[in-house]
Amino acid sequence: MSHQTGVRFGAWNKIRLAFGGQRIELASLSALRRARRVMLERPSKQVVVDSTGAHLTSLSDAVQEKVSSLFWSDEWVERYLYDASLRSVEKIGGP
């Protein structure tokens, strides 16, 4: 199940107008609609529907988008890895 957070367009328009709208540079409804269309066209959001349900077209694109989002939002937590003998595993690649 997907968890989606957000504000409906009608509610956003009321909030936007209450706070001064364009004067304080809040996005218009048409700008939000365009952005949503662009986001839905990303490879990581594409799905195929068959008799077993809906499936991501590219799981690797979806995972990469999520990892990148976490990393750039400073919510990524890097932890050490340990092998079966509880020895730390050497980091390979990356910065």
PDB file of N, CA and C in Angstrom:
ATOM      1  N   MET A   1       0.843  -1.183   0.000  1.00  0.00           N
ATOM      2  CA  MET A   1       0.000   0.000   0.000  1.00  0.00           C
ATOM      3  C   MET A   1       0.881   1.237   0.000  1.00  0.00           C
ATOM      4  N   SER A   2       0.548   2.182  -0.820  1.00  0.00           N
ATOM      5  CA  SER A   2       1.327   3.403  -0.936  1.00  0.00           C
ATOM      6  C   SER A   2       0.759   4.463   0.005  1.00  0.00           C
ATOM      7  N   HIS A   3       1.648   5.146   0.680  1.00  0.00           N
ATOM      8  CA  HIS A   3       1.215   6.224   1.563  1.00  0.00           C
ATOM      9  C   HIS A   3       1.505   7.531   0.864  1.00  0.00           C
ATOM     10  N   GLN A   4       0.497   8.335   0.700  1.00  0.00           N
ATOM     11  CA  GLN A   4       0.667   9.576  -0.020  1.00  0.00           C
ATOM     12  C   GLN A   4       0.285  10.727   0.902  1.00  0.00           C
ATOM     13  N   THR A   5       1.137  11.713   0.965  1.00  0.00           N
ATOM     14  CA  THR A   5       0.828  12.894   1.751  1.00  0.00           C
ATOM     15  C   THR A   5       0.675  14.062   0.807  1.00  0.00           C
ATOM     16  N   GLY A   6      -0.115  15.003   1.196  1.00  0.00           N
ATOM     17  CA  GLY A   6      -0.281  16.167   0.346  1.00  0.00           C
ATOM     18  C   GLY A   6      -1.567  16.895   0.661  1.00  0.00           C
ATOM     19  N   VAL A   7      -1.826  17.890  -0.140  1.00  0.00           N
ATOM     20  CA  VAL A   7      -2.994  18.744   0.029  1.00  0.00           C
ATOM     21  C   VAL A   7      -3.755  18.732  -1.287  1.00  0.00           C
ATOM     22  N   ARG A   8      -5.041  18.580  -1.218  1.00  0.00           N
ATOM     23  CA  ARG A   8      -5.865  18.628  -2.429  1.00  0.00           C
ATOM     24  C   ARG A   8      -5.741  20.000  -3.085  1.00  0.00           C
ATOM     25  N   PHE A   9      -5.943  20.033  -4.417  1.00  0.00           N
ATOM     26  CA  PHE A   9      -5.788  21.288  -5.140  1.00  0.00           C
ATOM     27  C   PHE A   9      -6.700  22.389  -4.608  1.00  0.00           C
ATOM     28  N   GLY A  10      -7.943  22.046  -4.286  1.00  0.00           N
ATOM     29  CA  GLY A  10      -8.877  23.057  -3.766  1.00  0.00           C
ATOM     30  C   GLY A  10      -8.405  23.635  -2.443  1.00  0.00           C
ATOM     31  N   ALA A  11      -7.914  22.770  -1.564  1.00  0.00           N
ATOM     32  CA  ALA A  11      -7.395  23.238  -0.276  1.00  0.00           C
ATOM     33  C   ALA A  11      -6.143  24.076  -0.482  1.00  0.00           C
ATOM     34  N   TRP A  12      -5.269  23.645  -1.408  1.00  0.00           N
ATOM     35  CA  TRP A  12      -4.049  24.402  -1.686  1.00  0.00           C
ATOM     36  C   TRP A  12      -4.395  25.802  -2.187  1.00  0.00           C
ATOM     37  N   ASN A  13      -5.384  25.895  -3.048  1.00  0.00           N
ATOM     38  CA  ASN A  13      -5.771  27.201  -3.582  1.00  0.00           C
ATOM     39  C   ASN A  13      -6.239  28.125  -2.455  1.00  0.00           C
ATOM     40  N   LYS A  14      -7.003  27.600  -1.504  1.00  0.00           N
ATOM     41  CA  LYS A  14      -7.451  28.421  -0.365  1.00  0.00           C
ATOM     42  C   LYS A  14      -6.268  28.858   0.492  1.00  0.00           C
ATOM     43  N   ILE A  15      -5.341  27.942   0.742  1.00  0.00           N
ATOM     44  CA  ILE A  15      -4.143  28.284   1.521  1.00  0.00           C
ATOM     45  C   ILE A  15      -3.339  29.351   0.781  1.00  0.00           C
ATOM     46  N   ARG A  16      -3.163  29.139  -0.511  1.00  0.00           N
ATOM     47  CA  ARG A  16      -2.383  30.071  -1.331  1.00  0.00           C
ATOM     48  C   ARG A  16      -2.993  31.467  -1.290  1.00  0.00           C
ATOM     49  N   LEU A  17      -4.292  31.546  -1.458  1.00  0.00           N
ATOM     50  CA  LEU A  17      -4.964  32.851  -1.433  1.00  0.00           C
ATOM     51  C   LEU A  17      -4.897  33.491  -0.045  1.00  0.00           C
ATOM     52  N   ALA A  18      -5.041  32.695   1.002  1.00  0.00           N
ATOM     53  CA  ALA A  18      -5.001  33.222   2.368  1.00  0.00           C
ATOM     54  C   ALA A  18      -3.641  33.834   2.702  1.00  0.00           C
ATOM     55  N   PHE A  19      -2.566  33.281   2.152  1.00  0.00           N
ATOM     56  CA  PHE A  19      -1.228  33.776   2.460  1.00  0.00           C
ATOM     57  C   PHE A  19      -0.689  34.767   1.439  1.00  0.00           C
ATOM     58  N   GLY A  20      -1.484  35.136   0.462  1.00  0.00           N
ATOM     59  CA  GLY A  20      -1.045  36.151  -0.481  1.00  0.00           C
ATOM     60  C   GLY A  20      -0.660  35.636  -1.845  1.00  0.00           C
ATOM     61  N   GLY A  21      -0.775  34.346  -2.057  1.00  0.00           N
ATOM     62  CA  GLY A  21      -0.586  33.753  -3.378  1.00  0.00           C
ATOM     63  C   GLY A  21       0.696  34.133  -4.078  1.00  0.00           C
ATOM     64  N   GLN A  22       0.559  34.704  -5.267  1.00  0.00           N
ATOM     65  CA  GLN A  22       1.702  35.024  -6.107  1.00  0.00           C
ATOM     66  C   GLN A  22       2.620  36.047  -5.444  1.00  0.00           C
ATOM     67  N   ARG A  23       2.057  36.905  -4.634  1.00  0.00           N
ATOM     68  CA  ARG A  23       2.858  37.941  -3.968  1.00  0.00           C
ATOM     69  C   ARG A  23       3.977  37.327  -3.143  1.00  0.00           C
ATOM     70  N   ILE A  24       3.728  36.169  -2.522  1.00  0.00           N
ATOM     71  CA  ILE A  24       4.779  35.528  -1.730  1.00  0.00           C
ATOM     72  C   ILE A  24       5.336  34.298  -2.452  1.00  0.00           C
ATOM     73  N   GLU A  25       5.075  34.214  -3.743  1.00  0.00           N
ATOM     74  CA  GLU A  25       5.647  33.211  -4.643  1.00  0.00           C
ATOM     75  C   GLU A  25       5.256  31.767  -4.340  1.00  0.00           C
ATOM     76  N   LEU A  26       4.018  31.536  -3.909  1.00  0.00           N
ATOM     77  CA  LEU A  26       3.513  30.170  -3.783  1.00  0.00           C
ATOM     78  C   LEU A  26       3.056  29.705  -5.164  1.00  0.00           C
ATOM     79  N   ALA A  27       3.301  28.470  -5.488  1.00  0.00           N
ATOM     80  CA  ALA A  27       2.984  27.927  -6.810  1.00  0.00           C
ATOM     81  C   ALA A  27       1.483  27.978  -7.086  1.00  0.00           C
ATOM     82  N   SER A  28       1.148  28.267  -8.331  1.00  0.00           N
ATOM     83  CA  SER A  28      -0.256  28.275  -8.743  1.00  0.00           C
ATOM     84  C   SER A  28      -0.722  26.843  -8.969  1.00  0.00           C
ATOM     85  N   LEU A  29      -2.040  26.666  -9.079  1.00  0.00           N
ATOM     86  CA  LEU A  29      -2.590  25.337  -9.342  1.00  0.00           C
ATOM     87  C   LEU A  29      -2.087  24.780 -10.668  1.00  0.00           C
ATOM     88  N   SER A  30      -2.000  25.631 -11.690  1.00  0.00           N
ATOM     89  CA  SER A  30      -1.531  25.139 -12.994  1.00  0.00           C
ATOM     90  C   SER A  30      -0.069  24.703 -12.913  1.00  0.00           C
ATOM     91  N   ALA A  31       0.750  25.408 -12.150  1.00  0.00           N
ATOM     92  CA  ALA A  31       2.155  25.009 -11.974  1.00  0.00           C
ATOM     93  C   ALA A  31       2.235  23.671 -11.232  1.00  0.00           C
ATOM     94  N   LEU A  32       1.396  23.483 -10.228  1.00  0.00           N
ATOM     95  CA  LEU A  32       1.385  22.218  -9.493  1.00  0.00           C
ATOM     96  C   LEU A  32       0.934  21.067 -10.384  1.00  0.00           C
ATOM     97  N   ARG A  33      -0.068  21.308 -11.213  1.00  0.00           N
ATOM     98  CA  ARG A  33      -0.544  20.267 -12.130  1.00  0.00           C
ATOM     99  C   ARG A  33       0.545  19.869 -13.125  1.00  0.00           C
ATOM    100  N   ARG A  34       1.261  20.866 -13.671  1.00  0.00           N
ATOM    101  CA  ARG A  34       2.354  20.582 -14.605  1.00  0.00           C
ATOM    102  C   ARG A  34       3.443  19.761 -13.910  1.00  0.00           C
ATOM    103  N   ALA A  35       3.807  20.152 -12.700  1.00  0.00           N
ATOM    104  CA  ALA A  35       4.850  19.443 -11.954  1.00  0.00           C
ATOM    105  C   ALA A  35       4.425  18.002 -11.667  1.00  0.00           C
ATOM    106  N   ARG A  36       3.166  17.811 -11.337  1.00  0.00           N
ATOM    107  CA  ARG A  36       2.669  16.462 -11.059  1.00  0.00           C
ATOM    108  C   ARG A  36       2.742  15.584 -12.303  1.00  0.00           C
ATOM    109  N   ARG A  37       2.374  16.167 -13.465  1.00  0.00           N
ATOM    110  CA  ARG A  37       2.457  15.421 -14.731  1.00  0.00           C
ATOM    111  C   ARG A  37       3.895  15.020 -15.028  1.00  0.00           C
ATOM    112  N   VAL A  38       4.823  15.945 -14.821  1.00  0.00           N
ATOM    113  CA  VAL A  38       6.237  15.654 -15.061  1.00  0.00           C
ATOM    114  C   VAL A  38       6.713  14.540 -14.137  1.00  0.00           C
ATOM    115  N   MET A  39       6.345  14.614 -12.858  1.00  0.00           N
ATOM    116  CA  MET A  39       6.756  13.587 -11.898  1.00  0.00           C
ATOM    117  C   MET A  39       6.196  12.218 -12.269  1.00  0.00           C
ATOM    118  N   LEU A  40       4.954  12.164 -12.711  1.00  0.00           N
ATOM    119  CA  LEU A  40       4.327  10.888 -13.048  1.00  0.00           C
ATOM    120  C   LEU A  40       4.914  10.267 -14.310  1.00  0.00           C
ATOM    121  N   GLU A  41       5.581  11.068 -15.144  1.00  0.00           N
ATOM    122  CA  GLU A  41       6.186  10.560 -16.369  1.00  0.00           C
ATOM    123  C   GLU A  41       7.599  10.025 -16.151  1.00  0.00           C
ATOM    124  N   ARG A  42       8.142  10.196 -14.945  1.00  0.00           N
ATOM    125  CA  ARG A  42       9.491   9.712 -14.661  1.00  0.00           C
ATOM    126  C   ARG A  42       9.528   8.190 -14.766  1.00  0.00           C
ATOM    127  N   PRO A  43      10.648   7.629 -15.236  1.00  0.00           N
ATOM    128  CA  PRO A  43      10.760   6.174 -15.373  1.00  0.00           C
ATOM    129  C   PRO A  43      10.499   5.435 -14.056  1.00  0.00           C
ATOM    130  N   SER A  44      10.847   6.045 -12.939  1.00  0.00           N
ATOM    131  CA  SER A  44      10.673   5.382 -11.642  1.00  0.00           C
ATOM    132  C   SER A  44       9.210   5.276 -11.229  1.00  0.00           C
ATOM    133  N   LYS A  45       8.326   5.988 -11.903  1.00  0.00           N
ATOM    134  CA  LYS A  45       6.899   5.966 -11.566  1.00  0.00           C
ATOM    135  C   LYS A  45       6.064   5.142 -12.527  1.00  0.00           C
ATOM    136  N   GLN A  46       6.680   4.603 -13.574  1.00  0.00           N
ATOM    137  CA  GLN A  46       5.934   3.856 -14.585  1.00  0.00           C
ATOM    138  C   GLN A  46       5.538   2.481 -14.055  1.00  0.00           C
ATOM    139  N   VAL A  47       4.317   2.083 -14.324  1.00  0.00           N
ATOM    140  CA  VAL A  47       3.827   0.776 -13.896  1.00  0.00           C
ATOM    141  C   VAL A  47       3.215   0.031 -15.080  1.00  0.00           C
ATOM    142  N   VAL A  48       3.187  -1.279 -14.950  1.00  0.00           N
ATOM    143  CA  VAL A  48       2.505  -2.123 -15.918  1.00  0.00           C
ATOM    144  C   VAL A  48       1.477  -2.926 -15.123  1.00  0.00           C
ATOM    145  N   VAL A  49       0.291  -3.061 -15.678  1.00  0.00           N
ATOM    146  CA  VAL A  49      -0.781  -3.788 -14.994  1.00  0.00           C
ATOM    147  C   VAL A  49      -1.049  -5.071 -15.764  1.00  0.00           C
ATOM    148  N   ASP A  50      -1.051  -6.180 -15.025  1.00  0.00           N
ATOM    149  CA  ASP A  50      -1.387  -7.460 -15.645  1.00  0.00           C
ATOM    150  C   ASP A  50      -2.357  -8.202 -14.727  1.00  0.00           C
ATOM    151  N   SER A  51      -2.564  -9.470 -14.982  1.00  0.00           N
ATOM    152  CA  SER A  51      -3.551 -10.227 -14.211  1.00  0.00           C
ATOM    153  C   SER A  51      -3.170 -10.390 -12.736  1.00  0.00           C
ATOM    154  N   THR A  52      -1.899 -10.177 -12.411  1.00  0.00           N
ATOM    155  CA  THR A  52      -1.476 -10.314 -11.006  1.00  0.00           C
ATOM    156  C   THR A  52      -1.453  -8.981 -10.264  1.00  0.00           C
ATOM    157  N   GLY A  53      -1.683  -7.890 -10.970  1.00  0.00           N
ATOM    158  CA  GLY A  53      -1.721  -6.578 -10.320  1.00  0.00           C
ATOM    159  C   GLY A  53      -0.858  -5.562 -11.037  1.00  0.00           C
ATOM    160  N   ALA A  54      -0.550  -4.480 -10.328  1.00  0.00           N
ATOM    161  CA  ALA A  54       0.287  -3.409 -10.878  1.00  0.00           C
ATOM    162  C   ALA A  54       1.719  -3.602 -10.394  1.00  0.00           C
ATOM    163  N   HIS A  55       2.660  -3.446 -11.310  1.00  0.00           N
ATOM    164  CA  HIS A  55       4.068  -3.662 -10.993  1.00  0.00           C
ATOM    165  C   HIS A  55       4.892  -2.511 -11.564  1.00  0.00           C
ATOM    166  N   LEU A  56       5.932  -2.109 -10.844  1.00  0.00           N
ATOM    167  CA  LEU A  56       6.840  -1.097 -11.349  1.00  0.00           C
ATOM    168  C   LEU A  56       7.541  -1.618 -12.594  1.00  0.00           C
ATOM    169  N   THR A  57       7.649  -0.771 -13.604  1.00  0.00           N
ATOM    170  CA  THR A  57       8.347  -1.156 -14.825  1.00  0.00           C
ATOM    171  C   THR A  57       9.826  -1.329 -14.544  1.00  0.00           C
ATOM    172  N   SER A  58      10.385  -0.441 -13.723  1.00  0.00           N
ATOM    173  CA  SER A  58      11.805  -0.529 -13.394  1.00  0.00           C
ATOM    174  C   SER A  58      11.986  -0.379 -11.887  1.00  0.00           C
ATOM    175  N   LEU A  59      12.152  -1.494 -11.222  1.00  0.00           N
ATOM    176  CA  LEU A  59      12.373  -1.456  -9.781  1.00  0.00           C
ATOM    177  C   LEU A  59      13.664  -0.718  -9.446  1.00  0.00           C
ATOM    178  N   SER A  60      14.692  -0.893 -10.267  1.00  0.00           N
ATOM    179  CA  SER A  60      15.968  -0.227  -9.986  1.00  0.00           C
ATOM    180  C   SER A  60      15.825   1.293 -10.066  1.00  0.00           C
ATOM    181  N   ASP A  61      15.046   1.821 -11.026  1.00  0.00           N
ATOM    182  CA  ASP A  61      14.808   3.268 -11.101  1.00  0.00           C
ATOM    183  C   ASP A  61      14.070   3.764  -9.864  1.00  0.00           C
ATOM    184  N   ALA A  62      13.087   3.004  -9.416  1.00  0.00           N
ATOM    185  CA  ALA A  62      12.318   3.403  -8.231  1.00  0.00           C
ATOM    186  C   ALA A  62      13.199   3.404  -6.985  1.00  0.00           C
ATOM    187  N   VAL A  63      14.038   2.400  -6.820  1.00  0.00           N
ATOM    188  CA  VAL A  63      14.931   2.336  -5.661  1.00  0.00           C
ATOM    189  C   VAL A  63      15.943   3.461  -5.728  1.00  0.00           C
ATOM    190  N   GLN A  64      16.517   3.710  -6.906  1.00  0.00           N
ATOM    191  CA  GLN A  64      17.501   4.785  -7.048  1.00  0.00           C
ATOM    192  C   GLN A  64      16.882   6.138  -6.718  1.00  0.00           C
ATOM    193  N   GLU A  65      15.655   6.371  -7.150  1.00  0.00           N
ATOM    194  CA  GLU A  65      14.995   7.640  -6.846  1.00  0.00           C
ATOM    195  C   GLU A  65      14.792   7.804  -5.343  1.00  0.00           C
ATOM    196  N   LYS A  66      14.376   6.734  -4.663  1.00  0.00           N
ATOM    197  CA  LYS A  66      14.148   6.799  -3.222  1.00  0.00           C
ATOM    198  C   LYS A  66      15.458   7.034  -2.471  1.00  0.00           C
ATOM    199  N   VAL A  67      16.508   6.308  -2.842  1.00  0.00           N
ATOM    200  CA  VAL A  67      17.807   6.471  -2.182  1.00  0.00           C
ATOM    201  C   VAL A  67      18.341   7.885  -2.412  1.00  0.00           C
ATOM    202  N   SER A  68      18.250   8.373  -3.637  1.00  0.00           N
ATOM    203  CA  SER A  68      18.714   9.737  -3.928  1.00  0.00           C
ATOM    204  C   SER A  68      17.930  10.758  -3.137  1.00  0.00           C
ATOM    205  N   SER A  69      16.633  10.570  -3.058  1.00  0.00           N
ATOM    206  CA  SER A  69      15.785  11.486  -2.291  1.00  0.00           C
ATOM    207  C   SER A  69      16.185  11.509  -0.821  1.00  0.00           C
ATOM    208  N   LEU A  70      16.401  10.339  -0.244  1.00  0.00           N
ATOM    209  CA  LEU A  70      16.834  10.272   1.161  1.00  0.00           C
ATOM    210  C   LEU A  70      18.196  10.925   1.353  1.00  0.00           C
ATOM    211  N   PHE A  71      19.128  10.651   0.443  1.00  0.00           N
ATOM    212  CA  PHE A  71      20.478  11.196   0.558  1.00  0.00           C
ATOM    213  C   PHE A  71      20.464  12.718   0.499  1.00  0.00           C
ATOM    214  N   TRP A  72      19.798  13.274  -0.490  1.00  0.00           N
ATOM    215  CA  TRP A  72      19.808  14.733  -0.671  1.00  0.00           C
ATOM    216  C   TRP A  72      18.962  15.465   0.357  1.00  0.00           C
ATOM    217  N   SER A  73      18.078  14.773   1.070  1.00  0.00           N
ATOM    218  CA  SER A  73      17.280  15.417   2.123  1.00  0.00           C
ATOM    219  C   SER A  73      17.943  15.281   3.488  1.00  0.00           C
ATOM    220  N   ASP A  74      19.165  14.745   3.522  1.00  0.00           N
ATOM    221  CA  ASP A  74      19.908  14.518   4.770  1.00  0.00           C
ATOM    222  C   ASP A  74      19.200  13.544   5.700  1.00  0.00           C
ATOM    223  N   GLU A  75      18.392  12.657   5.152  1.00  0.00           N
ATOM    224  CA  GLU A  75      17.734  11.625   5.947  1.00  0.00           C
ATOM    225  C   GLU A  75      18.401  10.268   5.767  1.00  0.00           C
ATOM    226  N   TRP A  76      19.463  10.218   4.974  1.00  0.00           N
ATOM    227  CA  TRP A  76      20.185   8.983   4.731  1.00  0.00           C
ATOM    228  C   TRP A  76      21.098   8.714   5.917  1.00  0.00           C
ATOM    229  N   VAL A  77      21.058   7.510   6.438  1.00  0.00           N
ATOM    230  CA  VAL A  77      21.909   7.129   7.558  1.00  0.00           C
ATOM    231  C   VAL A  77      22.812   6.002   7.085  1.00  0.00           C
ATOM    232  N   GLU A  78      24.111   6.247   7.130  1.00  0.00           N
ATOM    233  CA  GLU A  78      25.061   5.227   6.708  1.00  0.00           C
ATOM    234  C   GLU A  78      25.515   4.455   7.935  1.00  0.00           C
ATOM    235  N   ARG A  79      25.479   3.160   7.849  1.00  0.00           N
ATOM    236  CA  ARG A  79      25.866   2.300   8.967  1.00  0.00           C
ATOM    237  C   ARG A  79      26.943   1.320   8.528  1.00  0.00           C
ATOM    238  N   TYR A  80      27.724   0.864   9.495  1.00  0.00           N
ATOM    239  CA  TYR A  80      28.733  -0.141   9.206  1.00  0.00           C
ATOM    240  C   TYR A  80      28.066  -1.491   8.976  1.00  0.00           C
ATOM    241  N   LEU A  81      28.687  -2.315   8.124  1.00  0.00           N
ATOM    242  CA  LEU A  81      28.207  -3.666   7.870  1.00  0.00           C
ATOM    243  C   LEU A  81      29.169  -4.650   8.516  1.00  0.00           C
ATOM    244  N   TYR A  82      28.629  -5.730   9.016  1.00  0.00           N
ATOM    245  CA  TYR A  82      29.442  -6.751   9.667  1.00  0.00           C
ATOM    246  C   TYR A  82      29.194  -8.096   9.011  1.00  0.00           C
ATOM    247  N   ASP A  83      30.244  -8.917   8.941  1.00  0.00           N
ATOM    248  CA  ASP A  83      30.092 -10.251   8.368  1.00  0.00           C
ATOM    249  C   ASP A  83      29.618 -11.225   9.451  1.00  0.00           C
ATOM    250  N   ALA A  84      29.554 -12.504   9.120  1.00  0.00           N
ATOM    251  CA  ALA A  84      29.050 -13.515  10.055  1.00  0.00           C
ATOM    252  C   ALA A  84      29.911 -13.627  11.305  1.00  0.00           C
ATOM    253  N   SER A  85      31.191 -13.240  11.209  1.00  0.00           N
ATOM    254  CA  SER A  85      32.095 -13.284  12.376  1.00  0.00           C
ATOM    255  C   SER A  85      32.107 -11.973  13.146  1.00  0.00           C
ATOM    256  N   LEU A  86      31.189 -11.082  12.791  1.00  0.00           N
ATOM    257  CA  LEU A  86      31.058  -9.764  13.416  1.00  0.00           C
ATOM    258  C   LEU A  86      32.280  -8.878  13.200  1.00  0.00           C
ATOM    259  N   ARG A  87      32.989  -9.091  12.090  1.00  0.00           N
ATOM    260  CA  ARG A  87      34.069  -8.190  11.683  1.00  0.00           C
ATOM    261  C   ARG A  87      33.478  -7.190  10.706  1.00  0.00           C
ATOM    262  N   SER A  88      33.921  -5.935  10.811  1.00  0.00           N
ATOM    263  CA  SER A  88      33.368  -4.921   9.914  1.00  0.00           C
ATOM    264  C   SER A  88      33.772  -5.216   8.471  1.00  0.00           C
ATOM    265  N   VAL A  89      32.846  -4.980   7.567  1.00  0.00           N
ATOM    266  CA  VAL A  89      33.066  -5.202   6.151  1.00  0.00           C
ATOM    267  C   VAL A  89      33.606  -3.900   5.560  1.00  0.00           C
ATOM    268  N   GLU A  90      34.697  -4.009   4.804  1.00  0.00           N
ATOM    269  CA  GLU A  90      35.331  -2.825   4.229  1.00  0.00           C
ATOM    270  C   GLU A  90      34.410  -2.189   3.189  1.00  0.00           C
ATOM    271  N   LYS A  91      34.351  -0.882   3.237  1.00  0.00           N
ATOM    272  CA  LYS A  91      33.536  -0.137   2.265  1.00  0.00           C
ATOM    273  C   LYS A  91      34.186  -0.227   0.900  1.00  0.00           C
ATOM    274  N   ILE A  92      33.378  -0.495  -0.118  1.00  0.00           N
ATOM    275  CA  ILE A  92      33.888  -0.613  -1.482  1.00  0.00           C
ATOM    276  C   ILE A  92      33.226   0.462  -2.331  1.00  0.00           C
ATOM    277  N   GLY A  93      34.017   1.302  -2.948  1.00  0.00           N
ATOM    278  CA  GLY A  93      33.498   2.339  -3.847  1.00  0.00           C
ATOM    279  C   GLY A  93      32.895   3.509  -3.082  1.00  0.00           C
ATOM    280  N   GLY A  94      32.382   4.445  -3.837  1.00  0.00           N
ATOM    281  CA  GLY A  94      31.752   5.625  -3.254  1.00  0.00           C
ATOM    282  C   GLY A  94      32.765   6.649  -2.777  1.00  0.00           C
ATOM    283  N   PRO A  95      32.283   7.782  -2.320  1.00  0.00           N
ATOM    284  CA  PRO A  95      33.177   8.858  -1.864  1.00  0.00           C
ATOM    285  C   PRO A  95      33.811   8.571  -0.532  1.00  0.00           C
TER     286      PRO A  95
END
